[in-house]
Amino acid sequence: MANALKQRNQLALVAPQPASRQTSFSDRIVAIAELGAGTLAAERCAIAFPASGVGTDNVVFAPHGDSRWDAVVKAVLVALDNRLGDAVAAEGLKRARGAPGSIESIERVALSAREIDAIARIEKIDGRQIAASAFIDGVSAVRIAMVARADRARGELEASLELMARAVFAELALAAARASLEFWRTHGAESGRQTVEAKRELLRERAATNHLDKAVAAARRAPTTHRFSRFGELVAGGAGFDQWVVAVAEGGALTIAASSSGLKEFDLGEAHSALGESFRRRIVIARWRDRDAGIVDRAQQSSEDRMFVGSYVCIPFEAGAIALASRDGRASASRAEAIVERLAPIAANWVMEREAARRSLLVRQLALRMFAAIDEERARIARDLHDDQAQLLAAAKIALEGRREAARAIFKQVEAELRRKTRELRPITIGDASLDEAIESEFARLHRAGVTAKLVHLVHDGAAEKISRPVQQLCFQVVRETLSNVIRHARAKSVQITIESTDAAARVSVTDDGCSIGANIKGEGTGLAGARERLELMGGSLTVESRAGRTTVIAEIPESA
């Protein structure tokens, strides 16, 4: 008991708040204390009960304004708290903070008569008695201490304390029920709002999915000649844009496939086009007129900045890129990205079909040219045999009738002509020679025509040796055909042949200082159209850069050829 009295000042007791600041729950506990004190004519009554979420007990006193016996009741409450802790440890009583249990079954823990007498002597209580008990409902604990007149029956006091405790437990249960109700009411309202928003989001997602499905179906139905126009219309219309340009990668270059304005010629160079940059870097590029102040600087403008009136965005996809513009700024770039992502596989198939059709056309054209060349060569051989060899044979026949020496000379001339024709009829090949040797063997023809020649390697460590034999053969055919063209048409004084090679491709360029032949090599007479078609069939390319006094023919051949 002495130990309990020593520790009484360590108990966390909350003094009663002014009436204006008390909660309604505390008010009801105060009313219970006042009712108990009034019924028993007690001089002081204190009730300690759990404080929700605080970790300590609240204490209320009655009657209001009389604090003479506060030291007594506080000492009793401390002693009850110590005795309660001992009872929990010794008897395993379930004491915990939280919602109260059933008030039908509560356990009582009381101070002994010796403990109460000790407190009464220390606090000098004369002619009065102390009634005190702690009650547990399995979850919460309530402590009640009272200073009453000495003539009150002990049984009456203890019964009153239990009734007061049951009333406090009832208030605790009611408060917990109200808190639970408020929680579920709030939680239910929030859940309801979340459910409504989830339904709305689901409806939006379903609408977006349906729109994308319809866009895919519309794209699949698009006629072959208007496929990329339909692609642009679907993306722009679905995302709120009013201008668009679709570019696709074909033959190693990005070209305009369709546009809302009918534009076909457009600069997609690295330094001038946001659309080209978007495709090369695989990033989305956006320009918002109301936000990007840098667009005012014309030195940094792209082709799209000058072409589009409003804001625009460039979105790449597997086979190309699309530029979309809006004048009113209400378009959705994210929406456009979603549509492009869904339609991108279809666009890639379209590009593959176009490339397959282009290659098929190229094969047919090559076949026609091949048969035409065969027929033309047969006709030429027939003319040569008729014009040259037939005349020589006729002369030899006449010579046989005359001098033998003349006949020998004519037959020797016939033999030389036949050998020359045989060499011309053989296909162009480097045979067992290296590419360098085969090219240098052509220099004799150039020298006879008064043209000096030079062979240059720009890649070290034996560039020519790194080129496979099939690619070397193609390189030689391009060089030989180009040199023949220089001799026949260029009126050049010098020629430089440059060979470069990488692990992926070989590059051959032939530059002469003759007259320009123009970039269009599809016409007859240049001899390069067939070379270009052969290279394109092999996945390569042939270009001509020509101006007055300088012409360069560039052939690029992938090693896969």
Protein backbone atom coordinates (compact mmCIF):
# COMPACT_ATOMS: atom_id res chain seq x y z
CA MET A 1 0.00 0.00 0.00
CA ALA A 2 2.86 2.32 0.83
CA ASN A 3 4.29 1.56 -2.61
CA ALA A 4 0.96 2.55 -4.18
CA LEU A 5 0.95 5.82 -2.29
CA LYS A 6 4.51 6.58 -3.37
CA GLN A 7 3.56 6.17 -7.03
CA ARG A 8 0.31 8.08 -6.95
CA ASN A 9 1.84 11.26 -8.38
CA GLN A 10 3.13 9.28 -11.40
CA LEU A 11 -0.35 8.41 -12.62
CA ALA A 12 -1.35 10.51 -15.64
CA LEU A 13 -4.53 12.22 -14.49
CA VAL A 14 -6.35 14.73 -16.69
CA ALA A 15 -7.95 17.57 -14.77
CA PRO A 16 -11.57 18.34 -15.62
CA GLN A 17 -11.98 20.87 -18.40
CA PRO A 18 -14.25 23.91 -18.09
CA ALA A 19 -17.81 23.13 -19.09
CA SER A 20 -17.54 25.22 -22.22
CA ARG A 21 -14.64 23.08 -23.52
CA GLN A 22 -15.79 19.58 -22.47
CA THR A 23 -16.93 17.15 -25.09
CA SER A 24 -20.47 15.78 -24.96
CA PHE A 25 -19.02 12.40 -23.92
CA SER A 26 -17.19 13.91 -20.93
CA ASP A 27 -20.33 15.82 -20.05
CA ARG A 28 -22.23 12.56 -19.75
CA ILE A 29 -19.55 11.02 -17.51
CA VAL A 30 -19.64 14.15 -15.31
CA ALA A 31 -23.43 13.75 -15.11
CA ILE A 32 -22.98 10.16 -13.88
CA ALA A 33 -20.51 11.34 -11.21
CA GLU A 34 -22.82 14.13 -10.08
CA LEU A 35 -25.79 11.77 -9.98
CA GLY A 36 -23.89 9.27 -7.86
CA ALA A 37 -22.57 11.97 -5.52
CA GLY A 38 -26.03 13.49 -5.14
CA THR A 39 -27.75 10.18 -4.53
CA LEU A 40 -25.33 9.19 -1.75
CA ALA A 41 -24.83 12.73 -0.44
CA ALA A 42 -21.12 12.19 -1.05
CA GLU A 43 -18.74 15.07 -0.49
CA ARG A 44 -16.52 14.13 -3.46
CA CYS A 45 -16.71 11.62 -6.30
CA ALA A 46 -14.11 10.99 -9.02
CA ILE A 47 -14.36 8.72 -12.08
CA ALA A 48 -11.32 7.72 -14.18
CA PHE A 49 -12.16 6.32 -17.64
CA PRO A 50 -10.23 5.57 -20.86
CA ALA A 51 -9.39 8.54 -23.08
CA SER A 52 -9.85 7.57 -26.73
CA GLY A 53 -6.60 7.65 -28.71
CA VAL A 54 -4.63 9.36 -25.87
CA GLY A 55 -3.13 6.43 -23.95
CA THR A 56 -4.01 7.87 -20.52
CA ASP A 57 -7.19 8.07 -18.45
CA ASN A 58 -9.48 11.08 -18.14
CA VAL A 59 -10.71 11.99 -14.66
CA VAL A 60 -13.89 13.92 -13.83
CA PHE A 61 -14.95 15.21 -10.41
CA ALA A 62 -18.26 15.95 -8.73
CA PRO A 63 -19.76 18.01 -7.29
CA HIS A 64 -18.46 20.85 -9.43
CA GLY A 65 -16.34 23.51 -7.77
CA ASP A 66 -15.51 21.63 -4.52
CA SER A 67 -11.88 20.46 -4.48
CA ARG A 68 -11.28 19.90 -0.74
CA TRP A 69 -11.02 16.14 -1.11
CA ASP A 70 -9.22 15.98 -4.49
CA ALA A 71 -5.96 14.81 -2.91
CA VAL A 72 -7.85 11.94 -1.24
CA VAL A 73 -9.66 10.71 -4.32
CA LYS A 74 -6.51 11.07 -6.47
CA ALA A 75 -4.54 8.97 -4.00
CA VAL A 76 -7.29 6.36 -4.06
CA LEU A 77 -7.36 6.34 -7.91
CA VAL A 78 -3.57 5.83 -7.99
CA ALA A 79 -3.85 2.97 -5.52
CA LEU A 80 -6.64 1.43 -7.61
CA ASP A 81 -4.51 1.69 -10.74
CA ASN A 82 -1.63 -0.09 -9.01
CA ARG A 83 -3.93 -2.76 -7.61
CA LEU A 84 -5.49 -3.16 -11.11
CA GLY A 85 -2.05 -3.72 -12.63
CA ASP A 86 -1.23 -6.34 -10.01
CA ALA A 87 -4.57 -8.09 -10.60
CA VAL A 88 -4.03 -8.18 -14.36
CA ALA A 89 -0.57 -9.68 -13.89
CA ALA A 90 -1.65 -12.17 -11.23
CA GLU A 91 -5.07 -13.23 -12.49
CA GLY A 92 -4.72 -12.70 -16.25
CA LEU A 93 -7.52 -10.16 -16.48
CA LYS A 94 -7.96 -8.90 -20.05
CA ARG A 95 -7.24 -5.24 -19.72
CA ALA A 96 -6.67 -3.32 -22.92
CA ARG A 97 -7.39 -0.03 -24.64
CA GLY A 98 -10.09 -0.04 -27.29
CA ALA A 99 -13.78 -0.63 -27.71
CA PRO A 100 -15.50 -1.78 -24.49
CA GLY A 101 -16.80 -5.28 -24.09
CA SER A 102 -20.13 -6.44 -22.71
CA ILE A 103 -21.43 -4.61 -19.64
CA GLU A 104 -23.42 -7.69 -18.59
CA SER A 105 -20.28 -9.25 -17.14
CA ILE A 106 -17.75 -7.03 -15.40
CA GLU A 107 -15.03 -7.82 -12.90
CA ARG A 108 -14.37 -5.79 -9.78
CA VAL A 109 -11.03 -5.00 -8.14
CA ALA A 110 -11.21 -3.27 -4.73
CA LEU A 111 -8.75 -1.92 -2.19
CA SER A 112 -8.48 -3.72 1.12
CA ALA A 113 -9.71 -2.14 4.35
CA ARG A 114 -6.09 -1.66 5.51
CA GLU A 115 -5.21 0.22 2.30
CA ILE A 116 -8.25 2.49 2.61
CA ASP A 117 -7.51 3.15 6.32
CA ALA A 118 -3.93 4.03 5.49
CA ILE A 119 -5.02 6.58 2.90
CA ALA A 120 -7.63 7.98 5.34
CA ARG A 121 -4.99 8.44 8.08
CA ILE A 122 -2.51 10.07 5.76
CA GLU A 123 -5.11 12.43 4.28
CA LYS A 124 -6.67 13.04 7.75
CA ILE A 125 -10.19 11.99 6.96
CA ASP A 126 -12.25 12.07 10.18
CA GLY A 127 -15.92 11.23 10.46
CA ARG A 128 -16.06 10.15 6.79
CA GLN A 129 -15.38 7.00 4.79
CA ILE A 130 -13.78 6.18 1.47
CA ALA A 131 -15.50 3.96 -1.10
CA ALA A 132 -13.40 2.90 -4.10
CA SER A 133 -13.42 0.14 -6.73
CA ALA A 134 -12.03 -0.57 -10.21
CA PHE A 135 -14.13 -2.40 -12.77
CA ILE A 136 -13.09 -4.26 -15.96
CA ASP A 137 -15.42 -5.37 -18.77
CA GLY A 138 -12.75 -7.47 -20.49
CA VAL A 139 -11.38 -4.60 -22.56
CA SER A 140 -11.60 -1.29 -20.68
CA ALA A 141 -11.19 -0.34 -17.04
CA VAL A 142 -13.11 2.26 -15.00
CA ARG A 143 -11.98 3.47 -11.53
CA ILE A 144 -14.32 5.23 -9.11
CA ALA A 145 -13.39 6.84 -5.76
CA MET A 146 -15.79 8.54 -3.37
CA VAL A 147 -15.64 10.37 -0.02
CA ALA A 148 -18.97 9.75 1.77
CA ARG A 149 -20.44 10.27 5.21
CA ALA A 150 -19.55 7.65 7.79
CA ASP A 151 -23.17 6.67 8.39
CA ARG A 152 -23.66 5.32 4.86
CA ALA A 153 -23.90 1.51 4.65
CA ARG A 154 -20.90 -0.12 2.98
CA GLY A 155 -23.07 -2.34 0.82
CA GLU A 156 -25.05 0.63 -0.43
CA LEU A 157 -21.85 2.44 -1.43
CA GLU A 158 -20.41 -0.57 -3.29
CA ALA A 159 -23.70 -1.18 -5.15
CA SER A 160 -23.81 2.47 -6.16
CA LEU A 161 -20.22 2.30 -7.41
CA GLU A 162 -21.05 -0.73 -9.59
CA LEU A 163 -24.14 0.99 -11.02
CA MET A 164 -22.05 4.05 -11.83
CA ALA A 165 -19.40 1.83 -13.47
CA ARG A 166 -22.04 0.07 -15.60
CA ALA A 167 -23.37 3.46 -16.68
CA VAL A 168 -19.84 4.56 -17.69
CA PHE A 169 -19.30 1.28 -19.62
CA ALA A 170 -22.63 1.88 -21.37
CA GLU A 171 -21.47 5.38 -22.39
CA LEU A 172 -18.15 3.94 -23.59
CA ALA A 173 -19.98 1.36 -25.68
CA LEU A 174 -22.29 4.03 -27.07
CA ALA A 175 -19.36 6.30 -27.93
CA ALA A 176 -17.57 3.43 -29.65
CA ALA A 177 -20.72 2.58 -31.61
CA ARG A 178 -21.11 6.20 -32.65
CA ALA A 179 -17.47 6.39 -33.70
CA SER A 180 -17.84 3.18 -35.69
CA LEU A 181 -21.01 4.47 -37.30
CA GLU A 182 -19.33 7.74 -38.23
CA PHE A 183 -16.33 5.89 -39.59
CA TRP A 184 -18.43 3.64 -41.78
CA ARG A 185 -20.65 6.54 -42.82
CA THR A 186 -17.58 8.52 -43.89
CA HIS A 187 -15.90 5.47 -45.34
CA GLY A 188 -19.07 4.48 -47.14
CA ALA A 189 -19.47 7.96 -48.63
CA GLU A 190 -15.84 7.95 -49.78
CA SER A 191 -16.23 4.43 -51.14
CA GLY A 192 -19.37 5.55 -52.94
CA ARG A 193 -17.51 8.46 -54.51
CA GLN A 194 -14.66 6.17 -55.48
CA THR A 195 -17.11 3.69 -56.95
CA VAL A 196 -18.81 6.39 -59.01
CA GLU A 197 -15.46 7.68 -60.23
CA ALA A 198 -14.30 4.13 -61.01
CA LYS A 199 -17.47 3.57 -63.03
CA ARG A 200 -16.90 6.81 -64.91
CA GLU A 201 -13.28 5.87 -65.58
CA LEU A 202 -14.38 2.43 -66.75
CA LEU A 203 -16.90 4.03 -69.11
CA ARG A 204 -14.20 6.36 -70.44
CA GLU A 205 -11.84 3.43 -70.96
CA ARG A 206 -14.53 1.44 -72.71
CA ALA A 207 -15.34 4.41 -74.93
CA ALA A 208 -11.65 4.84 -75.73
CA THR A 209 -11.27 1.14 -76.46
CA ASN A 210 -14.34 1.15 -78.69
CA HIS A 211 -13.01 4.18 -80.54
CA LEU A 212 -9.65 2.49 -81.07
CA ASP A 213 -11.33 -0.70 -82.26
CA LYS A 214 -13.38 1.33 -84.74
CA ALA A 215 -10.25 3.14 -85.89
CA VAL A 216 -8.46 -0.17 -86.47
CA ALA A 217 -11.45 -1.53 -88.42
CA ALA A 218 -11.61 1.66 -90.51
CA ALA A 219 -7.88 1.49 -91.22
CA ARG A 220 -8.14 -2.13 -92.37
CA ARG A 221 -10.95 -1.19 -94.76
CA ALA A 222 -9.03 1.71 -96.30
CA PRO A 223 -8.35 1.31 -100.05
CA THR A 224 -4.73 0.75 -101.02
CA THR A 225 -4.30 4.15 -102.67
CA HIS A 226 -5.68 6.06 -99.64
CA ARG A 227 -4.30 4.05 -96.73
CA PHE A 228 -1.97 6.67 -95.25
CA SER A 229 -4.53 9.42 -95.82
CA ARG A 230 -6.97 7.35 -93.77
CA PHE A 231 -4.26 6.81 -91.14
CA GLY A 232 -3.78 10.57 -90.76
CA GLU A 233 -7.51 11.27 -90.68
CA LEU A 234 -8.13 8.65 -87.97
CA VAL A 235 -5.35 9.90 -85.70
CA ALA A 236 -6.13 13.60 -86.17
CA GLY A 237 -9.91 13.17 -85.88
CA GLY A 238 -9.69 10.96 -82.80
CA ALA A 239 -7.40 13.37 -80.92
CA GLY A 240 -8.88 16.71 -81.98
CA PHE A 241 -6.25 17.89 -84.50
CA ASP A 242 -7.15 19.59 -87.79
CA GLN A 243 -3.88 19.30 -89.78
CA TRP A 244 -1.59 16.33 -90.29
CA VAL A 245 1.35 15.00 -92.30
CA VAL A 246 2.25 11.28 -92.46
CA ALA A 247 5.81 10.28 -93.39
CA VAL A 248 7.02 6.69 -93.88
CA ALA A 249 10.46 5.14 -94.19
CA GLU A 250 10.94 3.53 -97.58
CA GLY A 251 14.16 2.65 -99.34
CA GLY A 252 16.23 3.94 -96.41
CA ALA A 253 14.70 7.45 -96.52
CA LEU A 254 11.78 9.19 -94.83
CA THR A 255 9.27 10.45 -97.39
CA ILE A 256 5.84 12.08 -97.23
CA ALA A 257 3.10 9.49 -97.77
CA ALA A 258 0.04 11.72 -97.27
CA SER A 259 -1.02 15.05 -95.76
CA SER A 260 -4.21 16.94 -95.00
CA SER A 261 -3.18 19.73 -97.39
CA GLY A 262 -2.09 17.44 -100.21
CA LEU A 263 1.56 18.38 -99.59
CA LYS A 264 4.06 15.97 -101.17
CA GLU A 265 7.36 17.88 -101.27
CA PHE A 266 8.66 18.56 -97.77
CA ASP A 267 12.12 19.04 -96.27
CA LEU A 268 12.75 16.14 -93.89
CA GLY A 269 16.44 16.92 -93.48
CA GLU A 270 18.10 16.49 -90.10
CA ALA A 271 18.48 20.23 -89.45
CA HIS A 272 15.07 21.41 -90.62
CA SER A 273 12.31 18.94 -89.73
CA ALA A 274 10.87 18.10 -86.33
CA LEU A 275 9.06 15.20 -88.02
CA GLY A 276 12.34 13.76 -89.30
CA GLU A 277 14.01 14.26 -85.92
CA SER A 278 11.10 12.58 -84.15
CA PHE A 279 11.47 9.51 -86.36
CA ARG A 280 15.27 9.33 -86.12
CA ARG A 281 15.40 9.78 -82.33
CA ARG A 282 12.15 7.86 -81.64
CA ILE A 283 10.80 10.63 -79.40
CA VAL A 284 7.64 12.74 -79.29
CA ILE A 285 8.33 16.39 -80.16
CA ALA A 286 5.71 19.00 -79.25
CA ARG A 287 5.53 22.74 -79.94
CA TRP A 288 2.88 24.71 -78.05
CA ARG A 289 2.47 28.24 -79.38
CA ASP A 290 1.21 29.60 -76.04
CA ARG A 291 4.11 28.08 -74.07
CA ASP A 292 7.23 27.75 -76.23
CA ALA A 293 8.71 31.23 -76.44
CA GLY A 294 11.72 29.87 -78.35
CA ILE A 295 9.59 29.42 -81.49
CA VAL A 296 9.72 33.18 -81.98
CA ASP A 297 13.40 32.82 -82.89
CA ARG A 298 13.25 32.09 -86.61
CA ALA A 299 16.84 30.85 -86.61
CA GLN A 300 15.73 27.85 -84.55
CA GLN A 301 12.49 27.16 -86.40
CA SER A 302 11.84 23.84 -88.10
CA SER A 303 9.91 23.34 -91.32
CA GLU A 304 6.81 22.45 -89.29
CA ASP A 305 6.97 25.77 -87.40
CA ARG A 306 6.58 27.59 -90.70
CA MET A 307 4.05 25.18 -92.16
CA PHE A 308 1.58 24.83 -89.25
CA VAL A 309 -0.40 27.82 -87.96
CA GLY A 310 -1.10 26.47 -84.46
CA SER A 311 0.55 24.13 -82.00
CA TYR A 312 1.76 20.78 -83.28
CA VAL A 313 3.16 17.44 -82.12
CA CYS A 314 5.29 14.85 -83.94
CA ILE A 315 4.79 11.21 -82.94
CA PRO A 316 7.04 8.39 -84.25
CA PHE A 317 5.91 4.85 -84.99
CA GLU A 318 7.64 1.75 -86.28
CA ALA A 319 7.44 2.56 -89.98
CA GLY A 320 7.47 6.37 -89.89
CA ALA A 321 6.12 9.41 -88.05
CA ILE A 322 3.09 11.68 -88.06
CA ALA A 323 2.91 15.44 -87.45
CA LEU A 324 -0.40 16.74 -86.05
CA ALA A 325 -1.38 20.41 -85.68
CA SER A 326 -4.25 22.21 -83.97
CA ARG A 327 -5.29 25.84 -84.24
CA ASP A 328 -7.36 26.02 -81.04
CA GLY A 329 -5.07 24.09 -78.66
CA ARG A 330 -7.79 21.71 -77.44
CA ALA A 331 -6.27 18.63 -79.06
CA SER A 332 -4.87 15.79 -76.93
CA ALA A 333 -1.31 14.64 -77.63
CA SER A 334 -1.66 11.65 -75.27
CA ARG A 335 -4.83 10.59 -77.08
CA ALA A 336 -3.00 10.82 -80.40
CA GLU A 337 -0.15 8.69 -79.05
CA ALA A 338 -2.61 5.98 -77.98
CA ILE A 339 -4.23 5.90 -81.43
CA VAL A 340 -0.84 5.86 -83.21
CA GLU A 341 0.34 3.00 -80.98
CA ARG A 342 -2.75 0.98 -81.91
CA LEU A 343 -2.52 1.68 -85.65
CA ALA A 344 1.29 1.43 -85.93
CA PRO A 345 1.39 -2.34 -86.73
CA ILE A 346 -1.12 -1.81 -89.53
CA ALA A 347 0.94 1.06 -90.97
CA ALA A 348 4.07 -1.12 -90.78
CA ASN A 349 2.30 -3.82 -92.81
CA TRP A 350 1.29 -1.20 -95.37
CA VAL A 351 4.90 -0.06 -95.75
CA MET A 352 6.07 -3.66 -96.14
CA GLU A 353 3.42 -4.26 -98.80
CA ARG A 354 4.48 -1.10 -100.64
CA GLU A 355 8.12 -2.13 -100.49
CA ALA A 356 7.26 -5.63 -101.71
CA ALA A 357 5.22 -4.14 -104.55
CA ARG A 358 8.08 -1.78 -105.44
CA ARG A 359 10.58 -4.61 -105.51
CA SER A 360 8.21 -6.78 -107.53
CA LEU A 361 7.85 -3.95 -110.06
CA LEU A 362 11.61 -3.54 -110.12
CA VAL A 363 12.06 -7.26 -110.81
CA ARG A 364 9.56 -7.07 -113.66
CA GLN A 365 11.29 -4.02 -115.08
CA LEU A 366 14.65 -5.75 -114.84
CA ALA A 367 13.24 -8.81 -116.54
CA LEU A 368 11.87 -6.68 -119.38
CA ARG A 369 15.16 -4.81 -119.69
CA MET A 370 17.06 -8.09 -119.62
CA PHE A 371 15.00 -9.60 -122.44
CA ALA A 372 15.20 -6.34 -124.37
CA ALA A 373 18.97 -6.26 -123.88
CA ILE A 374 19.24 -9.87 -125.05
CA ASP A 375 17.23 -9.10 -128.16
CA GLU A 376 19.23 -5.95 -128.78
CA GLU A 377 22.51 -7.81 -128.34
CA ARG A 378 21.42 -10.52 -130.73
CA ALA A 379 20.49 -7.91 -133.30
CA ARG A 380 23.83 -6.17 -132.82
CA ILE A 381 25.73 -9.44 -133.24
CA ALA A 382 23.74 -10.17 -136.37
CA ARG A 383 24.56 -6.69 -137.73
CA ASP A 384 28.22 -7.09 -136.87
CA LEU A 385 28.39 -10.49 -138.52
CA HIS A 386 26.65 -9.11 -141.58
CA ASP A 387 28.51 -5.80 -141.77
CA ASP A 388 32.01 -6.83 -140.68
CA GLN A 389 32.63 -10.56 -140.76
CA ALA A 390 30.50 -11.16 -143.88
CA GLN A 391 32.40 -8.47 -145.76
CA LEU A 392 35.75 -9.86 -144.60
CA LEU A 393 34.76 -13.36 -145.68
CA ALA A 394 33.68 -12.05 -149.08
CA ALA A 395 37.02 -10.28 -149.38
CA ALA A 396 38.82 -13.47 -148.34
CA LYS A 397 36.93 -15.41 -151.02
CA ILE A 398 38.06 -12.93 -153.64
CA ALA A 399 41.60 -13.03 -152.24
CA LEU A 400 41.72 -16.80 -152.54
CA GLU A 401 41.27 -16.36 -156.22
CA GLY A 402 44.24 -13.97 -156.27
CA ARG A 403 47.41 -13.74 -154.22
CA ARG A 404 47.86 -16.02 -151.22
CA GLU A 405 49.47 -13.31 -149.06
CA ALA A 406 46.40 -11.08 -149.38
CA ALA A 407 44.15 -13.98 -148.39
CA ARG A 408 46.27 -14.68 -145.30
CA ALA A 409 46.05 -11.03 -144.21
CA ILE A 410 42.29 -10.99 -144.61
CA PHE A 411 41.84 -14.24 -142.65
CA LYS A 412 44.10 -12.87 -139.92
CA GLN A 413 41.89 -9.79 -139.70
CA VAL A 414 38.77 -12.00 -139.54
CA GLU A 415 40.37 -13.98 -136.67
CA ALA A 416 41.19 -10.79 -134.73
CA GLU A 417 37.66 -9.47 -135.13
CA LEU A 418 36.16 -12.76 -133.98
CA ARG A 419 38.38 -12.73 -130.89
CA ARG A 420 37.32 -9.13 -130.10
CA LYS A 421 33.66 -10.00 -130.48
CA THR A 422 34.10 -13.03 -128.25
CA ARG A 423 35.64 -10.87 -125.52
CA GLU A 424 32.80 -8.38 -125.76
CA LEU A 425 30.23 -11.17 -125.48
CA ARG A 426 31.70 -12.42 -122.20
CA PRO A 427 30.01 -11.11 -119.00
CA ILE A 428 31.78 -8.39 -117.06
CA THR A 429 33.72 -10.10 -114.26
CA ILE A 430 36.88 -9.58 -112.25
CA GLY A 431 37.75 -13.26 -112.57
CA ASP A 432 40.63 -14.21 -110.31
CA ALA A 433 41.89 -10.63 -110.03
CA SER A 434 41.35 -8.39 -106.98
CA LEU A 435 39.02 -5.41 -107.17
CA ASP A 436 42.00 -3.05 -107.39
CA GLU A 437 43.53 -5.00 -110.25
CA ALA A 438 40.24 -5.22 -112.12
CA ILE A 439 39.65 -1.47 -111.82
CA GLU A 440 43.23 -0.60 -112.79
CA SER A 441 42.88 -2.80 -115.89
CA GLU A 442 40.25 -0.35 -117.08
CA PHE A 443 42.69 2.55 -116.88
CA ALA A 444 44.10 1.56 -120.29
CA ARG A 445 40.77 2.41 -121.92
CA LEU A 446 40.77 5.76 -120.14
CA HIS A 447 44.32 6.54 -121.20
CA ARG A 448 43.50 5.76 -124.85
CA ALA A 449 40.64 8.26 -124.53
CA GLY A 450 42.96 10.89 -123.04
CA VAL A 451 41.63 10.60 -119.46
CA THR A 452 43.93 10.22 -116.43
CA ALA A 453 42.71 7.97 -113.59
CA LYS A 454 43.38 7.61 -109.88
CA LEU A 455 42.28 4.93 -107.40
CA VAL A 456 41.93 5.96 -103.70
CA HIS A 457 41.16 4.02 -100.51
CA LEU A 458 39.63 6.01 -97.64
CA VAL A 459 39.50 3.07 -95.21
CA HIS A 460 42.83 1.76 -94.01
CA ASP A 461 43.95 -1.81 -93.30
CA GLY A 462 43.11 -3.12 -96.74
CA ALA A 463 39.62 -1.81 -97.38
CA ALA A 464 39.19 -3.71 -100.63
CA GLU A 465 40.12 -7.00 -98.97
CA LYS A 466 37.29 -6.54 -96.47
CA ILE A 467 34.71 -6.49 -99.26
CA SER A 468 33.22 -9.88 -100.13
CA ARG A 469 33.70 -11.24 -103.65
CA PRO A 470 30.05 -10.85 -104.74
CA VAL A 471 30.07 -7.22 -103.62
CA GLN A 472 33.44 -6.65 -105.32
CA GLN A 473 31.88 -7.96 -108.53
CA LEU A 474 29.01 -5.45 -108.26
CA CYS A 475 31.44 -2.64 -107.46
CA PHE A 476 33.49 -3.46 -110.55
CA GLN A 477 30.41 -3.57 -112.78
CA VAL A 478 29.33 -0.12 -111.54
CA VAL A 479 32.85 1.31 -112.04
CA ARG A 480 33.19 -0.18 -115.53
CA GLU A 481 29.76 1.08 -116.63
CA THR A 482 30.47 4.53 -115.18
CA LEU A 483 33.89 4.74 -116.88
CA SER A 484 32.30 3.73 -120.20
CA ASN A 485 29.80 6.55 -119.70
CA VAL A 486 32.66 8.99 -118.94
CA ILE A 487 34.48 8.00 -122.13
CA ARG A 488 31.36 8.28 -124.30
CA HIS A 489 29.68 11.38 -122.86
CA ALA A 490 31.62 13.34 -120.22
CA ARG A 491 34.52 14.74 -122.25
CA ALA A 492 36.50 14.58 -118.99
CA LYS A 493 40.24 15.00 -118.47
CA SER A 494 40.56 13.11 -115.17
CA VAL A 495 38.71 10.55 -113.07
CA GLN A 496 39.07 9.57 -109.40
CA ILE A 497 37.70 6.27 -108.07
CA THR A 498 37.26 6.02 -104.29
CA ILE A 499 36.55 2.81 -102.38
CA GLU A 500 35.27 2.71 -98.81
CA SER A 501 34.10 -0.27 -96.79
CA THR A 502 32.52 -1.05 -93.43
CA ASP A 503 31.29 -4.23 -91.85
CA ALA A 504 27.83 -3.54 -93.29
CA ALA A 505 28.36 -2.07 -96.75
CA ALA A 506 30.75 -1.03 -99.48
CA ARG A 507 30.75 2.43 -101.05
CA VAL A 508 32.26 3.26 -104.42
CA SER A 509 32.32 6.75 -105.92
CA VAL A 510 33.55 7.80 -109.37
CA THR A 511 34.21 11.53 -109.86
CA ASP A 512 35.11 13.15 -113.18
CA ASP A 513 35.75 16.75 -114.26
CA GLY A 514 33.66 16.56 -117.41
CA CYS A 515 30.37 18.15 -118.37
CA SER A 516 27.29 17.62 -116.20
CA ILE A 517 24.93 14.78 -117.13
CA GLY A 518 22.19 15.81 -114.69
CA ALA A 519 20.85 13.86 -111.76
CA ASN A 520 18.28 12.01 -113.86
CA ILE A 521 19.96 8.83 -115.02
CA LYS A 522 16.80 7.04 -116.11
CA GLY A 523 17.05 8.15 -119.69
CA GLU A 524 18.64 6.16 -122.47
CA GLY A 525 22.27 6.63 -123.35
CA THR A 526 23.83 7.05 -119.90
CA GLY A 527 24.21 3.33 -119.26
CA LEU A 528 23.63 3.82 -115.52
CA ALA A 529 19.89 3.10 -115.28
CA GLY A 530 20.48 -0.64 -115.42
CA ALA A 531 23.22 -0.38 -112.79
CA ARG A 532 20.86 1.50 -110.46
CA GLU A 533 18.13 -1.11 -110.88
CA ARG A 534 20.56 -3.96 -110.15
CA LEU A 535 21.75 -2.20 -106.99
CA GLU A 536 18.23 -1.45 -105.76
CA LEU A 537 17.31 -5.08 -106.33
CA MET A 538 20.22 -6.01 -104.06
CA GLY A 539 19.14 -3.49 -101.40
CA GLY A 540 21.70 -0.87 -102.40
CA SER A 541 21.46 2.51 -104.08
CA LEU A 542 23.04 4.57 -106.83
CA THR A 543 22.97 8.36 -106.88
CA VAL A 544 24.43 11.02 -109.16
CA GLU A 545 25.69 14.41 -107.95
CA SER A 546 26.30 16.55 -111.00
CA ARG A 547 27.12 20.16 -111.68
CA ALA A 548 29.16 22.00 -114.27
CA GLY A 549 32.71 20.68 -114.26
CA ARG A 550 32.12 17.87 -111.73
CA THR A 551 30.04 14.71 -111.71
CA THR A 552 30.11 12.04 -108.98
CA VAL A 553 28.40 8.66 -109.25
CA ILE A 554 28.00 7.02 -105.79
CA ALA A 555 27.10 3.36 -105.33
CA GLU A 556 26.36 1.87 -101.91
CA ILE A 557 26.07 -1.93 -101.72
CA PRO A 558 25.16 -3.76 -98.50
CA GLU A 559 27.28 -6.76 -97.64
CA SER A 560 24.08 -8.83 -97.50
CA ALA A 561 24.00 -8.58 -101.30
